[in-house]
Structure formats: C-alpha cells, structure tokens
C-alpha cells in the first residue's frame, strides 16, 4: 500500500485558494448609458413607410483594477423613413470580469470575442425594451458571432502590418 506522502505528491495538492489555473468570472453587468430619441413624435406613428434600420456595434475593453477588466458593448440604432428619423437609440452596456492566471495572449481574445458574446443577450433585451417602450415594435437583433468577427479583424490587422507604412 502506498503511503500518504506518495499520494499527495502525485496528485499535486495545493492549499485552499492557491489554485494556479486560469480563472475568469463575471462580477457584474450593467447599463452604463442609454439614450432613446423619438424626434418626430407623435407624427411618426402616422407614417405609412417602414423605416430603414441601421445598427452599429463597437466593443471596448479597459483594465479597471489589477485583476479586473471592464468590457463594454456599444450599440447604436437609427431608424429612418422618407419622412425623417423615426427613432435613434444609443446603448452602452458593460460588464466587469475578474481574471486570474490567464495567459497574456488569451486576454485580448476573451475581452473582444467571448465577453461580448456573454453580455450581448442582455444588451439585446435592454435595446428591444427601450424601443418597445418608445412606442415601436421591439427590434430583436440576430445573434452575432463575435469570435468570427474577432478572427477577421485579427487577420486584417496582420495583413496591414505587412504592408509599407506610406506611399510617396
């Protein structure tokens, strides 16, 4: 029978709280800024034409503490009909993540791909509710593949890094 010292050395037991593996946790998520404009009310509710919807996204990431990062998802929506602007919404939705023992080369992919994927459904609901509360049918955005977008952007950055800086 193996003695206890041999078992502990093969299992590599560490004291409680001394885990050296990578850890990421969602601490909190929140609306940081929300603006809804309905500049042509009440006439907008009489317009016969369907507005054209333009949706823009932007992802931001900031280090706010030693092991704490904030990821923000900005969504701007503008609905325009031939008669004018039906509505405009600006949402800045953010989340705080705690990160420990994460390799440096994995931080940016998490912040710009995985974190937005995690918070997007909540931002989508806030946006849909704001538009519905403004008297319009809720806008239900399709899911976004942030991982694929991150990979495309990374490839574009690599391609432009190999090009000459300027032309004479």
C-alpha atoms as a PDB file:
ATOM      1  CA  UNK A   1       0.000   0.000   0.000  1.00  0.00           C
ATOM      2  CA  UNK A   2       1.339   3.439  -0.959  1.00  0.00           C
ATOM      3  CA  UNK A   3       1.897   5.830   1.883  1.00  0.00           C
ATOM      4  CA  UNK A   4       0.106   9.169   2.163  1.00  0.00           C
ATOM      5  CA  UNK A   5       3.144  11.288   1.172  1.00  0.00           C
ATOM      6  CA  UNK A   6       3.406   9.486  -2.187  1.00  0.00           C
ATOM      7  CA  UNK A   7      -0.291  10.041  -2.947  1.00  0.00           C
ATOM      8  CA  UNK A   8      -0.145  13.790  -2.155  1.00  0.00           C
ATOM      9  CA  UNK A   9       2.936  14.318  -4.322  1.00  0.00           C
ATOM     10  CA  UNK A  10       1.372  12.592  -7.349  1.00  0.00           C
ATOM     11  CA  UNK A  11      -1.934  14.494  -7.026  1.00  0.00           C
ATOM     12  CA  UNK A  12      -0.111  17.825  -6.537  1.00  0.00           C
ATOM     13  CA  UNK A  13      -2.385  19.035  -3.733  1.00  0.00           C
ATOM     14  CA  UNK A  14      -2.336  22.779  -3.142  1.00  0.00           C
ATOM     15  CA  UNK A  15      -3.719  24.662  -0.167  1.00  0.00           C
ATOM     16  CA  UNK A  16      -7.227  26.071  -0.433  1.00  0.00           C
ATOM     17  CA  UNK A  17      -7.252  29.250  -2.554  1.00  0.00           C
ATOM     18  CA  UNK A  18      -3.841  28.578  -4.093  1.00  0.00           C
ATOM     19  CA  UNK A  19      -5.167  27.353  -7.434  1.00  0.00           C
ATOM     20  CA  UNK A  20      -2.789  28.456 -10.182  1.00  0.00           C
ATOM     21  CA  UNK A  21      -5.146  27.608 -13.061  1.00  0.00           C
ATOM     22  CA  UNK A  22      -6.696  30.323 -15.230  1.00  0.00           C
ATOM     23  CA  UNK A  23      -9.920  31.766 -13.816  1.00  0.00           C
ATOM     24  CA  UNK A  24     -12.404  34.227 -15.284  1.00  0.00           C
ATOM     25  CA  UNK A  25     -15.590  35.311 -13.542  1.00  0.00           C
ATOM     26  CA  UNK A  26     -18.365  37.712 -14.454  1.00  0.00           C
ATOM     27  CA  UNK A  27     -18.640  40.080 -11.491  1.00  0.00           C
ATOM     28  CA  UNK A  28     -21.390  42.422 -12.652  1.00  0.00           C
ATOM     29  CA  UNK A  29     -23.113  43.714 -15.769  1.00  0.00           C
ATOM     30  CA  UNK A  30     -24.993  46.974 -16.170  1.00  0.00           C
ATOM     31  CA  UNK A  31     -26.361  49.704 -18.421  1.00  0.00           C
ATOM     32  CA  UNK A  32     -23.698  52.379 -18.460  1.00  0.00           C
ATOM     33  CA  UNK A  33     -25.545  54.772 -20.787  1.00  0.00           C
ATOM     34  CA  UNK A  34     -28.891  54.620 -22.584  1.00  0.00           C
ATOM     35  CA  UNK A  35     -30.421  57.244 -24.844  1.00  0.00           C
ATOM     36  CA  UNK A  36     -33.683  56.966 -26.781  1.00  0.00           C
ATOM     37  CA  UNK A  37     -34.794  59.748 -29.111  1.00  0.00           C
ATOM     38  CA  UNK A  38     -38.176  59.994 -30.802  1.00  0.00           C
ATOM     39  CA  UNK A  39     -37.768  63.361 -32.576  1.00  0.00           C
ATOM     40  CA  UNK A  40     -40.893  63.192 -34.759  1.00  0.00           C
ATOM     41  CA  UNK A  41     -43.489  62.050 -32.236  1.00  0.00           C
ATOM     42  CA  UNK A  42     -46.456  61.981 -32.500  1.00  0.00           C
ATOM     43  CA  UNK A  43     -46.419  62.280 -36.323  1.00  0.00           C
ATOM     44  CA  UNK A  44     -44.090  59.264 -36.652  1.00  0.00           C
ATOM     45  CA  UNK A  45     -46.905  56.942 -35.593  1.00  0.00           C
ATOM     46  CA  UNK A  46     -48.926  58.024 -38.663  1.00  0.00           C
ATOM     47  CA  UNK A  47     -46.152  57.450 -41.237  1.00  0.00           C
ATOM     48  CA  UNK A  48     -47.061  54.829 -43.869  1.00  0.00           C
ATOM     49  CA  UNK A  49     -43.453  53.903 -44.754  1.00  0.00           C
ATOM     50  CA  UNK A  50     -41.330  51.348 -42.923  1.00  0.00           C
ATOM     51  CA  UNK A  51     -38.086  52.906 -41.690  1.00  0.00           C
ATOM     52  CA  UNK A  52     -34.667  51.627 -42.727  1.00  0.00           C
ATOM     53  CA  UNK A  53     -32.796  50.338 -39.673  1.00  0.00           C
ATOM     54  CA  UNK A  54     -29.059  50.962 -39.310  1.00  0.00           C
ATOM     55  CA  UNK A  55     -27.263  49.128 -36.484  1.00  0.00           C
ATOM     56  CA  UNK A  56     -23.658  49.816 -35.466  1.00  0.00           C
ATOM     57  CA  UNK A  57     -21.580  47.933 -32.871  1.00  0.00           C
ATOM     58  CA  UNK A  58     -18.407  48.819 -31.040  1.00  0.00           C
ATOM     59  CA  UNK A  59     -16.575  46.793 -28.397  1.00  0.00           C
ATOM     60  CA  UNK A  60     -14.360  48.411 -25.781  1.00  0.00           C
ATOM     61  CA  UNK A  61     -12.182  46.914 -23.084  1.00  0.00           C
ATOM     62  CA  UNK A  62     -10.441  48.622 -20.176  1.00  0.00           C
ATOM     63  CA  UNK A  63      -8.405  47.406 -17.254  1.00  0.00           C
ATOM     64  CA  UNK A  64     -10.032  48.872 -14.125  1.00  0.00           C
ATOM     65  CA  UNK A  65      -8.011  47.015 -11.483  1.00  0.00           C
ATOM     66  CA  UNK A  66      -5.140  44.596 -11.077  1.00  0.00           C
ATOM     67  CA  UNK A  67      -7.254  41.574 -11.947  1.00  0.00           C
ATOM     68  CA  UNK A  68     -10.450  43.369 -13.022  1.00  0.00           C
ATOM     69  CA  UNK A  69     -11.438  44.299 -16.574  1.00  0.00           C
ATOM     70  CA  UNK A  70     -14.457  46.116 -17.980  1.00  0.00           C
ATOM     71  CA  UNK A  71     -15.860  45.142 -21.362  1.00  0.00           C
ATOM     72  CA  UNK A  72     -18.376  47.468 -22.979  1.00  0.00           C
ATOM     73  CA  UNK A  73     -20.659  46.886 -25.913  1.00  0.00           C
ATOM     74  CA  UNK A  74     -21.940  49.992 -27.653  1.00  0.00           C
ATOM     75  CA  UNK A  75     -24.962  49.540 -29.901  1.00  0.00           C
ATOM     76  CA  UNK A  76     -26.280  52.470 -31.949  1.00  0.00           C
ATOM     77  CA  UNK A  77     -29.567  52.035 -33.825  1.00  0.00           C
ATOM     78  CA  UNK A  78     -31.138  54.597 -36.113  1.00  0.00           C
ATOM     79  CA  UNK A  79     -34.466  54.123 -37.893  1.00  0.00           C
ATOM     80  CA  UNK A  80     -35.006  56.497 -40.813  1.00  0.00           C
ATOM     81  CA  UNK A  81     -38.051  56.754 -43.096  1.00  0.00           C
ATOM     82  CA  UNK A  82     -38.511  59.104 -46.073  1.00  0.00           C
ATOM     83  CA  UNK A  83     -40.363  61.480 -43.737  1.00  0.00           C
ATOM     84  CA  UNK A  84     -37.429  61.675 -41.279  1.00  0.00           C
ATOM     85  CA  UNK A  85     -35.932  59.917 -38.283  1.00  0.00           C
ATOM     86  CA  UNK A  86     -38.364  57.552 -36.574  1.00  0.00           C
ATOM     87  CA  UNK A  87     -36.096  56.846 -33.600  1.00  0.00           C
ATOM     88  CA  UNK A  88     -32.469  56.692 -32.520  1.00  0.00           C
ATOM     89  CA  UNK A  89     -31.105  54.589 -29.668  1.00  0.00           C
ATOM     90  CA  UNK A  90     -27.637  54.558 -28.156  1.00  0.00           C
ATOM     91  CA  UNK A  91     -26.826  51.852 -25.625  1.00  0.00           C
ATOM     92  CA  UNK A  92     -23.571  51.367 -23.772  1.00  0.00           C
ATOM     93  CA  UNK A  93     -23.815  48.069 -21.911  1.00  0.00           C
ATOM     94  CA  UNK A  94     -20.869  46.909 -19.828  1.00  0.00           C
ATOM     95  CA  UNK A  95     -19.666  44.103 -17.624  1.00  0.00           C
ATOM     96  CA  UNK A  96     -16.855  43.675 -15.135  1.00  0.00           C
ATOM     97  CA  UNK A  97     -14.817  40.477 -15.264  1.00  0.00           C
ATOM     98  CA  UNK A  98     -12.308  39.194 -12.757  1.00  0.00           C
ATOM     99  CA  UNK A  99      -9.339  37.444 -14.354  1.00  0.00           C
ATOM    100  CA  UNK A 100      -6.613  35.495 -12.608  1.00  0.00           C
ATOM    101  CA  UNK A 101      -3.729  33.464 -14.042  1.00  0.00           C
ATOM    102  CA  UNK A 102      -4.901  33.971 -17.629  1.00  0.00           C
ATOM    103  CA  UNK A 103      -2.044  33.865 -20.165  1.00  0.00           C
ATOM    104  CA  UNK A 104      -1.449  37.302 -21.688  1.00  0.00           C
ATOM    105  CA  UNK A 105      -2.105  36.047 -25.221  1.00  0.00           C
ATOM    106  CA  UNK A 106      -5.600  34.893 -24.161  1.00  0.00           C
ATOM    107  CA  UNK A 107      -6.766  38.139 -22.531  1.00  0.00           C
ATOM    108  CA  UNK A 108      -7.495  40.070 -25.736  1.00  0.00           C
ATOM    109  CA  UNK A 109      -9.427  37.216 -27.446  1.00  0.00           C
ATOM    110  CA  UNK A 110     -11.548  36.857 -24.313  1.00  0.00           C
ATOM    111  CA  UNK A 111     -12.180  40.595 -23.980  1.00  0.00           C
ATOM    112  CA  UNK A 112     -13.080  41.170 -27.637  1.00  0.00           C
ATOM    113  CA  UNK A 113     -14.809  37.887 -28.535  1.00  0.00           C
ATOM    114  CA  UNK A 114     -16.014  35.811 -25.601  1.00  0.00           C
ATOM    115  CA  UNK A 115     -17.019  38.598 -23.184  1.00  0.00           C
ATOM    116  CA  UNK A 116     -19.222  40.393 -25.770  1.00  0.00           C
ATOM    117  CA  UNK A 117     -20.834  37.036 -26.595  1.00  0.00           C
ATOM    118  CA  UNK A 118     -21.722  36.599 -22.929  1.00  0.00           C
ATOM    119  CA  UNK A 119     -23.261  40.052 -22.424  1.00  0.00           C
ATOM    120  CA  UNK A 120     -24.897  40.542 -25.853  1.00  0.00           C
ATOM    121  CA  UNK A 121     -28.195  38.774 -24.993  1.00  0.00           C
ATOM    122  CA  UNK A 122     -28.713  41.135 -22.047  1.00  0.00           C
ATOM    123  CA  UNK A 123     -27.844  44.238 -24.099  1.00  0.00           C
ATOM    124  CA  UNK A 124     -30.178  42.989 -26.830  1.00  0.00           C
ATOM    125  CA  UNK A 125     -33.060  42.782 -24.335  1.00  0.00           C
ATOM    126  CA  UNK A 126     -32.412  46.291 -22.963  1.00  0.00           C
ATOM    127  CA  UNK A 127     -32.366  47.656 -26.514  1.00  0.00           C
ATOM    128  CA  UNK A 128     -35.581  45.841 -27.503  1.00  0.00           C
ATOM    129  CA  UNK A 129     -37.342  47.055 -24.355  1.00  0.00           C
ATOM    130  CA  UNK A 130     -36.264  50.681 -24.920  1.00  0.00           C
ATOM    131  CA  UNK A 131     -37.557  50.634 -28.491  1.00  0.00           C
ATOM    132  CA  UNK A 132     -40.830  48.973 -27.439  1.00  0.00           C
ATOM    133  CA  UNK A 133     -41.245  51.492 -24.609  1.00  0.00           C
ATOM    134  CA  UNK A 134     -40.826  54.237 -27.223  1.00  0.00           C
ATOM    135  CA  UNK A 135     -43.962  53.004 -28.974  1.00  0.00           C
ATOM    136  CA  UNK A 136     -42.323  50.947 -31.732  1.00  0.00           C
ATOM    137  CA  UNK A 137     -42.189  47.200 -32.333  1.00  0.00           C
ATOM    138  CA  UNK A 138     -39.197  45.777 -30.435  1.00  0.00           C
ATOM    139  CA  UNK A 139     -36.053  45.306 -32.511  1.00  0.00           C
ATOM    140  CA  UNK A 140     -34.776  41.772 -31.970  1.00  0.00           C
ATOM    141  CA  UNK A 141     -31.185  41.689 -33.162  1.00  0.00           C
ATOM    142  CA  UNK A 142     -29.871  38.424 -34.555  1.00  0.00           C
ATOM    143  CA  UNK A 143     -27.112  36.709 -32.581  1.00  0.00           C
ATOM    144  CA  UNK A 144     -23.620  37.870 -33.515  1.00  0.00           C
ATOM    145  CA  UNK A 145     -20.594  35.612 -33.892  1.00  0.00           C
ATOM    146  CA  UNK A 146     -18.105  37.814 -32.035  1.00  0.00           C
ATOM    147  CA  UNK A 147     -15.431  35.102 -32.262  1.00  0.00           C
ATOM    148  CA  UNK A 148     -15.573  35.104 -36.051  1.00  0.00           C
ATOM    149  CA  UNK A 149     -15.542  38.912 -36.162  1.00  0.00           C
ATOM    150  CA  UNK A 150     -12.501  38.959 -33.865  1.00  0.00           C
ATOM    151  CA  UNK A 151     -10.668  36.471 -36.096  1.00  0.00           C
ATOM    152  CA  UNK A 152     -11.474  38.519 -39.232  1.00  0.00           C
ATOM    153  CA  UNK A 153     -10.216  41.687 -37.584  1.00  0.00           C
ATOM    154  CA  UNK A 154      -7.043  39.943 -36.368  1.00  0.00           C
ATOM    155  CA  UNK A 155      -6.350  38.688 -39.905  1.00  0.00           C
ATOM    156  CA  UNK A 156      -6.891  42.180 -41.339  1.00  0.00           C
ATOM    157  CA  UNK A 157      -4.504  43.623 -38.746  1.00  0.00           C
ATOM    158  CA  UNK A 158      -1.844  41.043 -39.682  1.00  0.00           C
ATOM    159  CA  UNK A 159      -2.314  41.763 -43.395  1.00  0.00           C
ATOM    160  CA  UNK A 160      -1.959  45.530 -42.947  1.00  0.00           C
ATOM    161  CA  UNK A 161       1.027  45.093 -40.605  1.00  0.00           C
ATOM    162  CA  UNK A 162       2.974  43.561 -43.508  1.00  0.00           C
ATOM    163  CA  UNK A 163       2.250  46.468 -45.874  1.00  0.00           C
ATOM    164  CA  UNK A 164       4.532  49.513 -46.229  1.00  0.00           C
ATOM    165  CA  UNK A 165       3.648  52.377 -43.904  1.00  0.00           C
ATOM    166  CA  UNK A 166       3.122  55.013 -46.582  1.00  0.00           C
ATOM    167  CA  UNK A 167       3.314  55.790 -50.265  1.00  0.00           C
ATOM    168  CA  UNK A 168       5.215  58.686 -51.797  1.00  0.00           C
END
